[in-house]
Amino acid sequence: MKKKKLKSRIAAGNRRYFSIVMLIKTKLVSRTTKFTQYKTLIRPDVTYCGETLSNKSINLLDRVEGVILRRILGSVCENGNWQRRKNGELFVLYKECSISSCTSIQRLKVIGHVMRMSEERVPHKLYSYVPDGVRQLGSPKGRWRNAVRRDLRQLRIPVTLTEDRERWLVAVEQAKGSSMRLLC
């Protein structure tokens, strides 16, 4: 995702947040309601086309998510001093995975579709395309295919499961459950 599109996604999430800020700041609304508002209104705006994001972009979205969760949860008073909550504490209270975990699950869903496509279809051709020629100086670019392979390796899911749709869906659902442990 280009930098301009990423900024527009973050701006869309901020607009949505500030449209419901009174709901989030009030103490009359429970945390679960605030989390539901975040999950259903703000997060989809920010993660639109999230399966195509690079690691750098995902890290930026994780920071944005941390800021919004800190706004929802507020600071904590320890020994008379107000301190902001740490990331680990945020996700323990939130009881959900981070945006980076959600995007990796989205990537797994997309790769399942792409791998089951016929070899004549454009998405399958693009996935299996190997560029020829000489690479530019510097470290190699992070490619979507490498991110998918890293997610599959991290979650210990074999690529061969993509051929059977039902087994793949079961594996992705298990990965969604285990992503709390492995990816968060």
C-alpha atoms as a PDB file:
ATOM      1  CA  MET A   1       0.000   0.000   0.000  1.00  0.00           C
ATOM      2  CA  LYS A   2       1.414   3.351  -0.942  1.00  0.00           C
ATOM      3  CA  LYS A   3       2.215   5.905   1.729  1.00  0.00           C
ATOM      4  CA  LYS A   4      -0.583   8.212   0.547  1.00  0.00           C
ATOM      5  CA  LYS A   5      -3.202   5.443   0.819  1.00  0.00           C
ATOM      6  CA  LEU A   6      -1.923   4.417   4.233  1.00  0.00           C
ATOM      7  CA  LYS A   7      -2.231   7.981   5.488  1.00  0.00           C
ATOM      8  CA  SER A   8      -5.777   8.165   4.115  1.00  0.00           C
ATOM      9  CA  ARG A   9      -6.653   4.926   5.974  1.00  0.00           C
ATOM     10  CA  ILE A  10      -5.278   6.341   9.222  1.00  0.00           C
ATOM     11  CA  ALA A  11      -7.117   9.624   8.600  1.00  0.00           C
ATOM     12  CA  ALA A  12     -10.356   7.689   8.021  1.00  0.00           C
ATOM     13  CA  GLY A  13      -9.871   5.883  11.333  1.00  0.00           C
ATOM     14  CA  ASN A  14      -9.196   9.174  13.113  1.00  0.00           C
ATOM     15  CA  ARG A  15     -12.295  10.769  11.577  1.00  0.00           C
ATOM     16  CA  ARG A  16     -14.363   7.829  12.752  1.00  0.00           C
ATOM     17  CA  TYR A  17     -12.806   7.997  16.214  1.00  0.00           C
ATOM     18  CA  PHE A  18     -13.519  11.704  16.591  1.00  0.00           C
ATOM     19  CA  SER A  19     -17.097  11.171  15.404  1.00  0.00           C
ATOM     20  CA  ILE A  20     -17.697   8.873  18.409  1.00  0.00           C
ATOM     21  CA  VAL A  21     -15.241  10.480  20.844  1.00  0.00           C
ATOM     22  CA  MET A  22     -17.980  11.539  23.247  1.00  0.00           C
ATOM     23  CA  LEU A  23     -19.091   7.916  23.543  1.00  0.00           C
ATOM     24  CA  ILE A  24     -15.547   6.757  24.202  1.00  0.00           C
ATOM     25  CA  LYS A  25     -14.618   9.451  26.730  1.00  0.00           C
ATOM     26  CA  THR A  26     -17.701   9.121  28.911  1.00  0.00           C
ATOM     27  CA  LYS A  27     -17.569   6.911  31.982  1.00  0.00           C
ATOM     28  CA  LEU A  28     -21.251   6.033  31.561  1.00  0.00           C
ATOM     29  CA  VAL A  29     -20.469   3.584  28.758  1.00  0.00           C
ATOM     30  CA  SER A  30     -18.822   0.261  29.623  1.00  0.00           C
ATOM     31  CA  ARG A  31     -15.434  -0.777  28.269  1.00  0.00           C
ATOM     32  CA  THR A  32     -16.950  -3.669  26.349  1.00  0.00           C
ATOM     33  CA  THR A  33     -19.234  -1.253  24.503  1.00  0.00           C
ATOM     34  CA  LYS A  34     -16.277   1.005  23.747  1.00  0.00           C
ATOM     35  CA  PHE A  35     -14.263  -1.975  22.469  1.00  0.00           C
ATOM     36  CA  THR A  36     -17.213  -3.049  20.322  1.00  0.00           C
ATOM     37  CA  GLN A  37     -17.424   0.459  18.866  1.00  0.00           C
ATOM     38  CA  TYR A  38     -13.700   0.336  18.114  1.00  0.00           C
ATOM     39  CA  LYS A  39     -13.877  -3.132  16.520  1.00  0.00           C
ATOM     40  CA  THR A  40     -16.920  -2.406  14.377  1.00  0.00           C
ATOM     41  CA  LEU A  41     -16.406   1.236  13.408  1.00  0.00           C
ATOM     42  CA  ILE A  42     -12.757   2.280  13.616  1.00  0.00           C
ATOM     43  CA  ARG A  43     -10.746  -0.874  12.936  1.00  0.00           C
ATOM     44  CA  PRO A  44     -12.402  -1.725   9.579  1.00  0.00           C
ATOM     45  CA  ASP A  45     -11.663   1.800   8.335  1.00  0.00           C
ATOM     46  CA  VAL A  46      -8.008   1.436   9.248  1.00  0.00           C
ATOM     47  CA  THR A  47      -7.504  -2.139   8.000  1.00  0.00           C
ATOM     48  CA  TYR A  48      -9.277  -1.794   4.650  1.00  0.00           C
ATOM     49  CA  CYS A  49      -7.089  -3.731   2.159  1.00  0.00           C
ATOM     50  CA  GLY A  50      -4.885  -4.694   5.087  1.00  0.00           C
ATOM     51  CA  GLU A  51      -3.786  -7.969   3.534  1.00  0.00           C
ATOM     52  CA  THR A  52      -1.625  -6.030   1.083  1.00  0.00           C
ATOM     53  CA  LEU A  53       0.287  -4.049   3.704  1.00  0.00           C
ATOM     54  CA  SER A  54       4.036  -4.152   4.184  1.00  0.00           C
ATOM     55  CA  ASN A  55       5.626  -4.725   7.598  1.00  0.00           C
ATOM     56  CA  LYS A  56       6.490  -1.045   7.935  1.00  0.00           C
ATOM     57  CA  SER A  57       2.880  -0.056   7.306  1.00  0.00           C
ATOM     58  CA  ILE A  58       1.561  -2.672   9.725  1.00  0.00           C
ATOM     59  CA  ASN A  59       3.859  -1.345  12.446  1.00  0.00           C
ATOM     60  CA  LEU A  60       2.434   2.126  11.872  1.00  0.00           C
ATOM     61  CA  LEU A  61      -1.113   0.761  12.141  1.00  0.00           C
ATOM     62  CA  ASP A  62      -0.162  -1.043  15.356  1.00  0.00           C
ATOM     63  CA  ARG A  63       0.968   2.284  16.795  1.00  0.00           C
ATOM     64  CA  VAL A  64      -2.294   3.939  15.751  1.00  0.00           C
ATOM     65  CA  GLU A  65      -4.224   1.108  17.386  1.00  0.00           C
ATOM     66  CA  GLY A  66      -2.210   1.537  20.583  1.00  0.00           C
ATOM     67  CA  VAL A  67      -3.040   5.242  20.680  1.00  0.00           C
ATOM     68  CA  ILE A  68      -6.761   4.596  20.263  1.00  0.00           C
ATOM     69  CA  LEU A  69      -6.781   1.808  22.871  1.00  0.00           C
ATOM     70  CA  ARG A  70      -4.947   4.096  25.309  1.00  0.00           C
ATOM     71  CA  ARG A  71      -7.616   6.736  24.704  1.00  0.00           C
ATOM     72  CA  ILE A  72     -10.328   4.175  25.424  1.00  0.00           C
ATOM     73  CA  LEU A  73      -8.686   2.662  28.513  1.00  0.00           C
ATOM     74  CA  GLY A  74      -7.192   5.834  29.919  1.00  0.00           C
ATOM     75  CA  SER A  75      -4.145   6.179  32.124  1.00  0.00           C
ATOM     76  CA  VAL A  76      -3.511   4.212  35.294  1.00  0.00           C
ATOM     77  CA  CYS A  77      -2.593   5.663  38.684  1.00  0.00           C
ATOM     78  CA  GLU A  78       0.263   3.832  40.401  1.00  0.00           C
ATOM     79  CA  ASN A  79       1.626   5.149  43.709  1.00  0.00           C
ATOM     80  CA  GLY A  80      -0.007   8.516  43.134  1.00  0.00           C
ATOM     81  CA  ASN A  81       1.557   8.926  39.655  1.00  0.00           C
ATOM     82  CA  TRP A  82      -0.445   8.746  36.450  1.00  0.00           C
ATOM     83  CA  GLN A  83       1.217   6.575  33.813  1.00  0.00           C
ATOM     84  CA  ARG A  84       0.195   5.488  30.362  1.00  0.00           C
ATOM     85  CA  ARG A  85      -0.581   1.824  29.870  1.00  0.00           C
ATOM     86  CA  LYS A  86       2.013  -0.444  28.298  1.00  0.00           C
ATOM     87  CA  ASN A  87       1.277  -2.406  25.099  1.00  0.00           C
ATOM     88  CA  GLY A  88       1.087  -5.767  26.875  1.00  0.00           C
ATOM     89  CA  GLU A  89      -1.422  -4.383  29.347  1.00  0.00           C
ATOM     90  CA  LEU A  90      -3.515  -2.912  26.520  1.00  0.00           C
ATOM     91  CA  PHE A  91      -3.994  -6.238  24.785  1.00  0.00           C
ATOM     92  CA  VAL A  92      -4.627  -8.110  28.045  1.00  0.00           C
ATOM     93  CA  LEU A  93      -7.497  -5.727  28.754  1.00  0.00           C
ATOM     94  CA  TYR A  94      -8.645  -5.640  25.123  1.00  0.00           C
ATOM     95  CA  LYS A  95      -8.593  -9.466  24.846  1.00  0.00           C
ATOM     96  CA  GLU A  96      -8.155  -9.295  21.083  1.00  0.00           C
ATOM     97  CA  CYS A  97      -5.212  -9.508  18.712  1.00  0.00           C
ATOM     98  CA  SER A  98      -3.408  -6.548  17.272  1.00  0.00           C
ATOM     99  CA  ILE A  99      -3.938  -5.222  13.770  1.00  0.00           C
ATOM    100  CA  SER A 100      -0.787  -7.020  12.621  1.00  0.00           C
ATOM    101  CA  SER A 101      -2.313 -10.355  13.652  1.00  0.00           C
ATOM    102  CA  CYS A 102      -5.558  -9.553  11.858  1.00  0.00           C
ATOM    103  CA  THR A 103      -3.744  -8.631   8.660  1.00  0.00           C
ATOM    104  CA  SER A 104      -1.780 -11.885   8.717  1.00  0.00           C
ATOM    105  CA  ILE A 105      -5.057 -13.823   9.063  1.00  0.00           C
ATOM    106  CA  GLN A 106      -6.468 -11.808   6.144  1.00  0.00           C
ATOM    107  CA  ARG A 107      -3.380 -12.695   4.088  1.00  0.00           C
ATOM    108  CA  LEU A 108      -3.943 -16.385   4.835  1.00  0.00           C
ATOM    109  CA  LYS A 109      -7.521 -16.149   3.607  1.00  0.00           C
ATOM    110  CA  VAL A 110      -6.416 -14.450   0.394  1.00  0.00           C
ATOM    111  CA  ILE A 111      -3.605 -16.923  -0.304  1.00  0.00           C
ATOM    112  CA  GLY A 112      -6.100 -19.770   0.052  1.00  0.00           C
ATOM    113  CA  HIS A 113      -8.211 -18.243  -2.720  1.00  0.00           C
ATOM    114  CA  VAL A 114      -5.207 -17.515  -4.928  1.00  0.00           C
ATOM    115  CA  MET A 115      -3.699 -20.992  -4.614  1.00  0.00           C
ATOM    116  CA  ARG A 116      -7.005 -22.672  -5.534  1.00  0.00           C
ATOM    117  CA  MET A 117      -7.387 -20.551  -8.689  1.00  0.00           C
ATOM    118  CA  SER A 118      -6.505 -21.982 -12.067  1.00  0.00           C
ATOM    119  CA  GLU A 119      -3.030 -21.176 -13.333  1.00  0.00           C
ATOM    120  CA  GLU A 120      -4.418 -19.005 -16.151  1.00  0.00           C
ATOM    121  CA  ARG A 121      -5.958 -16.470 -13.773  1.00  0.00           C
ATOM    122  CA  VAL A 122      -4.063 -13.228 -13.209  1.00  0.00           C
ATOM    123  CA  PRO A 123      -3.789 -13.383  -9.378  1.00  0.00           C
ATOM    124  CA  HIS A 124      -2.256 -16.860  -9.561  1.00  0.00           C
ATOM    125  CA  LYS A 125       0.162 -15.728 -12.277  1.00  0.00           C
ATOM    126  CA  LEU A 126       1.186 -12.714 -10.194  1.00  0.00           C
ATOM    127  CA  TYR A 127       1.760 -14.855  -7.125  1.00  0.00           C
ATOM    128  CA  SER A 128       3.935 -17.346  -8.972  1.00  0.00           C
ATOM    129  CA  TYR A 129       5.792 -14.711 -11.048  1.00  0.00           C
ATOM    130  CA  VAL A 130       9.556 -14.616 -10.550  1.00  0.00           C
ATOM    131  CA  PRO A 131      11.175 -11.423 -11.853  1.00  0.00           C
ATOM    132  CA  ASP A 132      14.233 -11.787 -14.011  1.00  0.00           C
ATOM    133  CA  GLY A 133      17.169  -9.452 -14.359  1.00  0.00           C
ATOM    134  CA  VAL A 134      19.608  -7.954 -11.915  1.00  0.00           C
ATOM    135  CA  ARG A 135      18.427  -6.828  -8.508  1.00  0.00           C
ATOM    136  CA  GLN A 136      19.151  -3.282  -7.342  1.00  0.00           C
ATOM    137  CA  LEU A 137      21.724  -2.593  -4.662  1.00  0.00           C
ATOM    138  CA  GLY A 138      20.621  -2.801  -1.050  1.00  0.00           C
ATOM    139  CA  SER A 139      18.488  -5.240   0.827  1.00  0.00           C
ATOM    140  CA  PRO A 140      15.761  -7.027  -1.118  1.00  0.00           C
ATOM    141  CA  LYS A 141      12.279  -5.563  -1.012  1.00  0.00           C
ATOM    142  CA  GLY A 142       9.826  -7.159   1.361  1.00  0.00           C
ATOM    143  CA  ARG A 143       7.354  -8.946  -0.877  1.00  0.00           C
ATOM    144  CA  TRP A 144       3.825 -10.057  -0.139  1.00  0.00           C
ATOM    145  CA  ARG A 145       4.778 -13.645  -0.892  1.00  0.00           C
ATOM    146  CA  ASN A 146       7.519 -13.512   1.757  1.00  0.00           C
ATOM    147  CA  ALA A 147       5.055 -12.146   4.323  1.00  0.00           C
ATOM    148  CA  VAL A 148       2.660 -15.016   3.557  1.00  0.00           C
ATOM    149  CA  ARG A 149       5.443 -17.582   3.891  1.00  0.00           C
ATOM    150  CA  ARG A 150       6.508 -16.060   7.198  1.00  0.00           C
ATOM    151  CA  ASP A 151       2.913 -16.204   8.497  1.00  0.00           C
ATOM    152  CA  LEU A 152       2.537 -19.830   7.398  1.00  0.00           C
ATOM    153  CA  ARG A 153       5.848 -20.781   8.998  1.00  0.00           C
ATOM    154  CA  GLN A 154       5.023 -18.932  12.216  1.00  0.00           C
ATOM    155  CA  LEU A 155       1.618 -20.599  12.508  1.00  0.00           C
ATOM    156  CA  ARG A 156       2.984 -23.984  11.334  1.00  0.00           C
ATOM    157  CA  ILE A 157       0.444 -24.364   8.510  1.00  0.00           C
ATOM    158  CA  PRO A 158       1.555 -26.290   5.396  1.00  0.00           C
ATOM    159  CA  VAL A 159       0.832 -24.622   2.044  1.00  0.00           C
ATOM    160  CA  THR A 160      -0.514 -27.905   0.694  1.00  0.00           C
ATOM    161  CA  LEU A 161      -3.666 -27.414   2.783  1.00  0.00           C
ATOM    162  CA  THR A 162      -4.805 -24.654   0.412  1.00  0.00           C
ATOM    163  CA  GLU A 163      -5.927 -27.265  -2.131  1.00  0.00           C
ATOM    164  CA  ASP A 164      -8.711 -28.499   0.168  1.00  0.00           C
ATOM    165  CA  ARG A 165     -10.991 -25.554   0.948  1.00  0.00           C
ATOM    166  CA  GLU A 166     -12.650 -27.025   4.059  1.00  0.00           C
ATOM    167  CA  ARG A 167      -9.376 -28.079   5.675  1.00  0.00           C
ATOM    168  CA  TRP A 168      -7.869 -24.687   4.828  1.00  0.00           C
ATOM    169  CA  LEU A 169     -10.776 -22.838   6.465  1.00  0.00           C
ATOM    170  CA  VAL A 170     -10.403 -24.986   9.577  1.00  0.00           C
ATOM    171  CA  ALA A 171      -6.657 -24.280   9.658  1.00  0.00           C
ATOM    172  CA  VAL A 172      -7.247 -20.517   9.288  1.00  0.00           C
ATOM    173  CA  GLU A 173      -9.840 -20.557  12.076  1.00  0.00           C
ATOM    174  CA  GLN A 174      -7.387 -22.410  14.315  1.00  0.00           C
ATOM    175  CA  ALA A 175      -4.723 -19.878  13.362  1.00  0.00           C
ATOM    176  CA  LYS A 176      -7.107 -17.103  14.326  1.00  0.00           C
ATOM    177  CA  GLY A 177      -7.443 -18.685  17.756  1.00  0.00           C
ATOM    178  CA  SER A 178      -3.751 -19.400  18.118  1.00  0.00           C
ATOM    179  CA  SER A 179      -2.744 -15.977  16.829  1.00  0.00           C
ATOM    180  CA  MET A 180      -3.399 -14.653  20.314  1.00  0.00           C
ATOM    181  CA  ARG A 181      -0.380 -16.676  21.431  1.00  0.00           C
ATOM    182  CA  LEU A 182       1.891 -16.666  18.404  1.00  0.00           C
ATOM    183  CA  LEU A 183       1.370 -13.362  16.615  1.00  0.00           C
ATOM    184  CA  CYS A 184       0.400 -10.928  19.355  1.00  0.00           C
END
